[in-house]
Amino acid sequence: MPVSTCPDCGKRLFHENEVTLKVQGTIHSKFCRKKEGETHSYMHRDPQHMQTFDPERENDSTGAPILKK
């Protein structure tokens, strides 16, 4: 079974299909935290900014808020 190890964080990725393993590695590289326990990631959101990015979609068609705060 093909195996790949992340050079930054040491996470071991494995899959039967080498093409799928490459895809997993690419995705992992975008979301890798570099060090165990770090809070930085590709999708990091600043805790000070909790407003909805799209104010038009903040509520559903009945006016109820979509996201819980």
Protein backbone atom coordinates (compact mmCIF):
# COMPACT_ATOMS: atom_id res chain seq x y z
CA MET A 1 0.00 0.00 0.00
CA PRO A 2 1.51 3.38 -1.01
CA VAL A 3 2.42 5.64 1.91
CA SER A 4 3.32 9.32 2.07
CA THR A 5 4.55 11.37 5.03
CA CYS A 6 4.08 15.12 5.40
CA PRO A 7 7.52 16.79 5.75
CA ASP A 8 6.06 19.62 7.87
CA CYS A 9 3.94 17.86 10.49
CA GLY A 10 4.91 14.20 10.06
CA LYS A 11 1.37 12.96 9.40
CA ARG A 12 1.36 9.63 7.57
CA LEU A 13 -1.06 9.37 4.64
CA PHE A 14 -1.80 6.05 2.94
CA HIS A 15 -4.17 4.75 0.29
CA GLU A 16 -4.40 1.79 -2.06
CA ASN A 17 -4.58 4.03 -5.13
CA GLU A 18 -1.52 6.21 -5.81
CA VAL A 19 -3.56 8.89 -7.61
CA THR A 20 -5.89 9.22 -4.62
CA LEU A 21 -2.87 9.38 -2.31
CA LYS A 22 -1.50 12.29 -4.38
CA VAL A 23 -4.86 14.09 -4.06
CA GLN A 24 -4.87 13.49 -0.30
CA GLY A 25 -1.34 14.91 -0.09
CA THR A 26 -2.31 18.02 -2.04
CA ILE A 27 -5.33 18.66 0.16
CA HIS A 28 -3.33 18.00 3.33
CA SER A 29 -0.66 20.49 2.22
CA LYS A 30 -3.31 23.22 2.00
CA PHE A 31 -4.76 22.47 5.45
CA CYS A 32 -1.57 21.37 7.25
CA ARG A 33 -0.98 23.07 10.60
CA LYS A 34 2.80 22.56 10.28
CA LYS A 35 3.12 21.75 14.01
CA GLU A 36 0.88 19.65 16.25
CA GLY A 37 -1.50 21.85 18.26
CA GLU A 38 -1.07 25.00 16.14
CA THR A 39 -4.25 26.96 15.43
CA HIS A 40 -3.24 28.25 11.98
CA SER A 41 -4.86 26.56 9.05
CA TYR A 42 -6.01 27.39 5.53
CA MET A 43 -9.54 28.09 6.82
CA HIS A 44 -8.52 30.04 9.94
CA ARG A 45 -11.09 32.60 11.03
CA ASP A 46 -10.28 35.52 13.29
CA PRO A 47 -12.28 35.19 16.55
CA GLN A 48 -12.73 38.99 16.58
CA HIS A 49 -14.60 38.83 13.27
CA MET A 50 -17.78 36.83 13.86
CA GLN A 51 -20.03 38.75 11.46
CA THR A 52 -21.56 36.91 8.51
CA PHE A 53 -19.54 37.33 5.32
CA ASP A 54 -22.70 37.45 3.20
CA PRO A 55 -25.30 39.61 5.02
CA GLU A 56 -27.96 38.84 2.37
CA ARG A 57 -27.85 35.16 3.35
CA GLU A 58 -27.68 35.72 7.11
CA ASN A 59 -31.37 34.74 7.47
CA ASP A 60 -33.47 32.15 5.67
CA SER A 61 -36.65 32.94 3.70
CA THR A 62 -38.73 33.07 6.90
CA GLY A 63 -36.34 35.53 8.59
CA ALA A 64 -34.81 33.00 11.02
CA PRO A 65 -31.01 33.20 11.42
CA ILE A 66 -29.18 30.41 9.58
CA LEU A 67 -26.03 30.38 11.70
CA LYS A 68 -25.94 29.92 15.45
CA LYS A 69 -23.87 32.51 17.30
